[in-house]
Amino acid sequence: MSTHTPGPWQISASDAHVHVLGKDGEFVAECHSAYTEHRQRYLDNARLIVAAPRLLAVLRTLLTAIEHDPADFTPVTDDAYQDALAVVYELQP
């Protein structure tokens, strides 16, 4: 099974290129355009990509808690739920 680049990820941007890099500077993704009027779209795409490791961690926590006891909304699931909401709100335009 392959694994993804460990998070957290970060954005590195120039005039025409937006790169997503791993915590050690490892290349993860590139969003680019020769047309700078699309720059915000590429930055928004990069922000969503950067959120992927955090969202994956939150989903794993929630799924584990639900599998353990679906009827018990514990502090663990509450914290994961709050983390998920935070990511979603951060990504909204």
C-alpha atoms as a PDB file:
ATOM      1  CA  MET A   1       0.000   0.000   0.000  1.00  0.00           C
ATOM      2  CA  SER A   2       1.380   3.402  -0.898  1.00  0.00           C
ATOM      3  CA  THR A   3       1.262   6.320   1.489  1.00  0.00           C
ATOM      4  CA  HIS A   4       0.835  10.014   0.932  1.00  0.00           C
ATOM      5  CA  THR A   5       3.357  12.684   1.867  1.00  0.00           C
ATOM      6  CA  PRO A   6       2.994  13.341   5.604  1.00  0.00           C
ATOM      7  CA  GLY A   7       1.364  16.619   6.618  1.00  0.00           C
ATOM      8  CA  PRO A   8       1.145  19.354   7.428  1.00  0.00           C
ATOM      9  CA  TRP A   9       1.389  20.719   3.906  1.00  0.00           C
ATOM     10  CA  GLN A  10       1.989  24.330   2.922  1.00  0.00           C
ATOM     11  CA  ILE A  11       1.522  26.615  -0.072  1.00  0.00           C
ATOM     12  CA  SER A  12       4.424  28.154  -1.949  1.00  0.00           C
ATOM     13  CA  ALA A  13       3.299  30.661  -4.587  1.00  0.00           C
ATOM     14  CA  SER A  14       4.918  32.748  -7.308  1.00  0.00           C
ATOM     15  CA  ASP A  15       3.318  34.909 -10.022  1.00  0.00           C
ATOM     16  CA  ALA A  16       2.129  32.019 -12.212  1.00  0.00           C
ATOM     17  CA  HIS A  17       2.651  28.912 -10.075  1.00  0.00           C
ATOM     18  CA  VAL A  18       1.164  27.667  -6.863  1.00  0.00           C
ATOM     19  CA  HIS A  19       2.898  24.659  -5.305  1.00  0.00           C
ATOM     20  CA  VAL A  20       1.838  22.512  -2.393  1.00  0.00           C
ATOM     21  CA  LEU A  21       4.799  21.247  -0.395  1.00  0.00           C
ATOM     22  CA  GLY A  22       5.166  18.713   2.392  1.00  0.00           C
ATOM     23  CA  LYS A  23       6.588  19.611   5.787  1.00  0.00           C
ATOM     24  CA  ASP A  24      10.141  18.902   4.570  1.00  0.00           C
ATOM     25  CA  GLY A  25       9.670  20.827   1.320  1.00  0.00           C
ATOM     26  CA  GLU A  26       8.751  17.700  -0.634  1.00  0.00           C
ATOM     27  CA  PHE A  27       6.662  18.445  -3.730  1.00  0.00           C
ATOM     28  CA  VAL A  28       3.008  17.390  -3.329  1.00  0.00           C
ATOM     29  CA  ALA A  29       1.096  19.220  -6.070  1.00  0.00           C
ATOM     30  CA  GLU A  30       1.207  22.108  -8.508  1.00  0.00           C
ATOM     31  CA  CYS A  31      -1.572  24.438  -9.564  1.00  0.00           C
ATOM     32  CA  HIS A  32      -0.500  26.895 -12.226  1.00  0.00           C
ATOM     33  CA  SER A  33      -1.638  29.065 -15.061  1.00  0.00           C
ATOM     34  CA  ALA A  34      -0.049  31.514 -17.423  1.00  0.00           C
ATOM     35  CA  TYR A  35      -3.141  33.630 -16.840  1.00  0.00           C
ATOM     36  CA  THR A  36      -2.873  35.546 -13.610  1.00  0.00           C
ATOM     37  CA  GLU A  37      -6.598  36.379 -13.549  1.00  0.00           C
ATOM     38  CA  HIS A  38      -7.127  32.775 -12.404  1.00  0.00           C
ATOM     39  CA  ARG A  39      -4.633  33.102  -9.557  1.00  0.00           C
ATOM     40  CA  GLN A  40      -7.289  33.115  -6.805  1.00  0.00           C
ATOM     41  CA  ARG A  41      -8.801  29.894  -8.137  1.00  0.00           C
ATOM     42  CA  TYR A  42      -5.396  28.197  -8.035  1.00  0.00           C
ATOM     43  CA  LEU A  43      -4.748  29.466  -4.519  1.00  0.00           C
ATOM     44  CA  ASP A  44      -8.173  28.195  -3.408  1.00  0.00           C
ATOM     45  CA  ASN A  45      -7.438  24.802  -4.991  1.00  0.00           C
ATOM     46  CA  ALA A  46      -4.097  24.699  -3.190  1.00  0.00           C
ATOM     47  CA  ARG A  47      -5.774  25.562   0.136  1.00  0.00           C
ATOM     48  CA  LEU A  48      -8.132  22.613  -0.326  1.00  0.00           C
ATOM     49  CA  ILE A  49      -5.225  20.290  -1.146  1.00  0.00           C
ATOM     50  CA  VAL A  50      -3.303  21.545   1.912  1.00  0.00           C
ATOM     51  CA  ALA A  51      -6.302  20.667   4.110  1.00  0.00           C
ATOM     52  CA  ALA A  52      -6.356  17.029   2.935  1.00  0.00           C
ATOM     53  CA  PRO A  53      -4.073  15.516   5.630  1.00  0.00           C
ATOM     54  CA  ARG A  54      -5.974  17.316   8.396  1.00  0.00           C
ATOM     55  CA  LEU A  55      -9.337  16.212   7.003  1.00  0.00           C
ATOM     56  CA  LEU A  56      -8.094  12.632   6.696  1.00  0.00           C
ATOM     57  CA  ALA A  57      -7.007  12.632  10.351  1.00  0.00           C
ATOM     58  CA  VAL A  58     -10.383  14.003  11.470  1.00  0.00           C
ATOM     59  CA  LEU A  59     -12.270  11.426   9.412  1.00  0.00           C
ATOM     60  CA  ARG A  60     -10.186   8.590  10.836  1.00  0.00           C
ATOM     61  CA  THR A  61     -10.916   9.797  14.380  1.00  0.00           C
ATOM     62  CA  LEU A  62     -14.646  10.071  13.709  1.00  0.00           C
ATOM     63  CA  LEU A  63     -14.874   6.699  11.973  1.00  0.00           C
ATOM     64  CA  THR A  64     -12.979   4.960  14.767  1.00  0.00           C
ATOM     65  CA  ALA A  65     -15.270   6.503  17.386  1.00  0.00           C
ATOM     66  CA  ILE A  66     -18.408   5.630  15.423  1.00  0.00           C
ATOM     67  CA  GLU A  67     -17.259   2.036  14.891  1.00  0.00           C
ATOM     68  CA  HIS A  68     -16.526   1.708  18.600  1.00  0.00           C
ATOM     69  CA  ASP A  69     -19.914   3.006  19.790  1.00  0.00           C
ATOM     70  CA  PRO A  70     -22.198   4.781  17.308  1.00  0.00           C
ATOM     71  CA  ALA A  71     -24.573   5.956  20.056  1.00  0.00           C
ATOM     72  CA  ASP A  72     -21.900   7.592  22.215  1.00  0.00           C
ATOM     73  CA  PHE A  73     -21.003  11.164  21.235  1.00  0.00           C
ATOM     74  CA  THR A  74     -17.852  11.347  23.325  1.00  0.00           C
ATOM     75  CA  PRO A  75     -15.435  14.234  23.780  1.00  0.00           C
ATOM     76  CA  VAL A  76     -13.222  12.524  21.176  1.00  0.00           C
ATOM     77  CA  THR A  77     -15.939  12.686  18.535  1.00  0.00           C
ATOM     78  CA  ASP A  78     -16.914  16.171  19.656  1.00  0.00           C
ATOM     79  CA  ASP A  79     -13.305  17.388  19.250  1.00  0.00           C
ATOM     80  CA  ALA A  80     -13.026  15.731  15.843  1.00  0.00           C
ATOM     81  CA  TYR A  81     -16.353  17.250  14.810  1.00  0.00           C
ATOM     82  CA  GLN A  82     -15.159  20.705  15.882  1.00  0.00           C
ATOM     83  CA  ASP A  83     -11.890  20.191  13.966  1.00  0.00           C
ATOM     84  CA  ALA A  84     -13.845  19.197  10.859  1.00  0.00           C
ATOM     85  CA  LEU A  85     -16.044  22.291  11.159  1.00  0.00           C
ATOM     86  CA  ALA A  86     -12.964  24.483  11.570  1.00  0.00           C
ATOM     87  CA  VAL A  87     -11.422  23.125   8.373  1.00  0.00           C
ATOM     88  CA  VAL A  88     -14.651  23.594   6.433  1.00  0.00           C
ATOM     89  CA  TYR A  89     -15.018  27.187   7.662  1.00  0.00           C
ATOM     90  CA  GLU A  90     -11.363  27.945   6.828  1.00  0.00           C
ATOM     91  CA  LEU A  91     -11.906  26.735   3.272  1.00  0.00           C
ATOM     92  CA  GLN A  92     -15.047  28.754   2.608  1.00  0.00           C
ATOM     93  CA  PRO A  93     -14.487  31.749   0.328  1.00  0.00           C
END
